[in-house]
Amino acid sequence: MRECICLHVGQSGVQLGSAVWELYCLEHGISQDGCLTDAQLADEDDTSFHTFFSQTQQGKLCPRAVLVDLEESVIDEVRVGSYRDLFHPAQLISGKEDAAN
C-alpha cells in the first residue's frame, strides 16, 4: 500500500488543499466528519482511501495532510468550515503575523 502526505503552504495552498480534501472525501465516500458513508461501508474491497487517509483507533479517517499559513484567518476558514471535523487541530498550523508588505 502506498501513502501520500500532502503539505499545503500559504493562502492559495491552504485554499486549494481544503477544496482537494473535500473532493477526496466525495470520491471515496467519506463524510465531513471523517466517517465512511453507508455506501463505502458496503464495499469492503475498496480500500483505496488509505492512500490519502489514516484511520484512528475509533475508525475515523483523517487526511494525511498539513496546512500551514502565517495568516491566521486563512487557517481559521478551515477550522470553522464544513469539513472542520475532518482535520486534527495539530494539522492546521498558523502564525500570528501577516506576510503582506
Protein backbone atom coordinates (compact mmCIF):
# COMPACT_ATOMS: atom_id res chain seq x y z
CA MET A 1 0.00 0.00 0.00
CA ARG A 2 1.24 3.47 -0.84
CA GLU A 3 0.74 6.51 1.35
CA CYS A 4 0.75 10.15 0.27
CA ILE A 5 1.37 13.05 2.61
CA CYS A 6 0.25 16.48 1.39
CA LEU A 7 1.71 19.78 2.53
CA HIS A 8 -0.37 22.88 1.75
CA VAL A 9 1.51 26.15 2.31
CA GLY A 10 0.31 29.74 2.07
CA GLN A 11 -3.10 31.18 1.34
CA SER A 12 -3.55 29.61 -2.08
CA GLY A 13 -2.09 26.29 -0.92
CA VAL A 14 -4.45 26.10 2.04
CA GLN A 15 -7.49 27.12 -0.01
CA LEU A 16 -6.69 24.64 -2.78
CA GLY A 17 -5.87 21.96 -0.22
CA SER A 18 -9.19 22.44 1.51
CA ALA A 19 -11.01 22.05 -1.80
CA VAL A 20 -8.95 18.98 -2.73
CA TRP A 21 -9.76 17.22 0.55
CA GLU A 22 -13.45 17.91 0.06
CA LEU A 23 -13.17 16.29 -3.37
CA TYR A 24 -11.24 13.29 -1.99
CA CYS A 25 -13.98 12.78 0.59
CA LEU A 26 -16.69 12.86 -2.05
CA GLU A 27 -14.77 10.47 -4.32
CA HIS A 28 -14.06 7.94 -1.56
CA GLY A 29 -17.40 8.03 0.27
CA ILE A 30 -16.14 9.80 3.40
CA SER A 31 -18.43 12.13 5.32
CA GLN A 32 -17.50 15.61 6.57
CA ASP A 33 -16.59 14.25 9.99
CA GLY A 34 -14.24 11.56 8.62
CA CYS A 35 -16.56 8.57 8.88
CA LEU A 36 -17.26 6.22 5.99
CA THR A 37 -20.67 6.56 4.38
CA ASP A 38 -23.02 3.57 4.22
CA ALA A 39 -22.20 3.04 0.54
CA GLN A 40 -18.48 2.86 1.28
CA LEU A 41 -19.04 0.54 4.25
CA ALA A 42 -20.92 -1.85 1.96
CA ASP A 43 -17.93 -2.06 -0.40
CA GLU A 44 -15.39 -3.81 1.83
CA ASP A 45 -13.00 -4.47 -1.07
CA ASP A 46 -12.34 -0.78 -1.74
CA THR A 47 -9.50 0.38 0.50
CA SER A 48 -8.06 2.94 -1.92
CA PHE A 49 -8.80 5.74 0.55
CA HIS A 50 -5.95 4.52 2.78
CA THR A 51 -3.51 6.17 0.35
CA PHE A 52 -4.68 9.63 1.41
CA PHE A 53 -6.28 8.98 4.81
CA SER A 54 -5.05 7.41 8.02
CA GLN A 55 -7.53 5.65 10.28
CA THR A 56 -7.75 6.37 14.01
CA GLN A 57 -8.48 3.74 16.65
CA GLN A 58 -12.08 4.97 16.72
CA GLY A 59 -12.41 4.28 12.98
CA LYS A 60 -12.41 7.92 11.91
CA LEU A 61 -10.43 8.79 8.79
CA CYS A 62 -8.01 11.71 8.96
CA PRO A 63 -6.28 13.27 5.94
CA ARG A 64 -2.53 12.75 5.62
CA ALA A 65 -2.01 16.48 5.30
CA VAL A 66 -0.58 19.54 6.97
CA LEU A 67 -1.95 23.02 6.22
CA VAL A 68 0.36 25.95 7.04
CA ASP A 69 0.00 29.71 6.70
CA LEU A 70 1.37 32.75 8.51
CA GLU A 71 -2.01 34.42 8.35
CA GLU A 72 -4.41 33.01 10.92
CA SER A 73 -7.60 33.91 9.04
CA VAL A 74 -6.88 31.50 6.17
CA ILE A 75 -6.44 28.53 8.51
CA ASP A 76 -9.46 29.70 10.53
CA GLU A 77 -11.61 29.26 7.41
CA VAL A 78 -10.75 25.54 7.52
CA ARG A 79 -11.21 25.38 11.32
CA VAL A 80 -14.79 26.66 11.08
CA GLY A 81 -15.71 25.31 7.62
CA SER A 82 -17.99 22.42 6.81
CA TYR A 83 -15.08 19.93 6.95
CA ARG A 84 -13.73 21.21 10.29
CA ASP A 85 -14.16 17.81 11.97
CA LEU A 86 -12.13 16.08 9.28
CA PHE A 87 -8.79 17.62 10.30
CA HIS A 88 -6.93 17.10 13.56
CA PRO A 89 -6.08 20.50 15.15
CA ALA A 90 -2.34 19.69 15.01
CA GLN A 91 -2.58 19.57 11.20
CA LEU A 92 -3.67 23.21 11.00
CA ILE A 93 -0.67 25.44 11.66
CA SER A 94 -0.90 29.24 11.58
CA GLY A 95 1.26 32.13 12.67
CA LYS A 96 0.43 35.39 14.35
CA GLU A 97 1.93 37.59 11.64
CA ASP A 98 0.82 38.58 8.21
CA ALA A 99 3.33 38.12 5.40
CA ALA A 100 1.96 41.09 3.41
CA ASN A 101 4.21 44.05 2.74
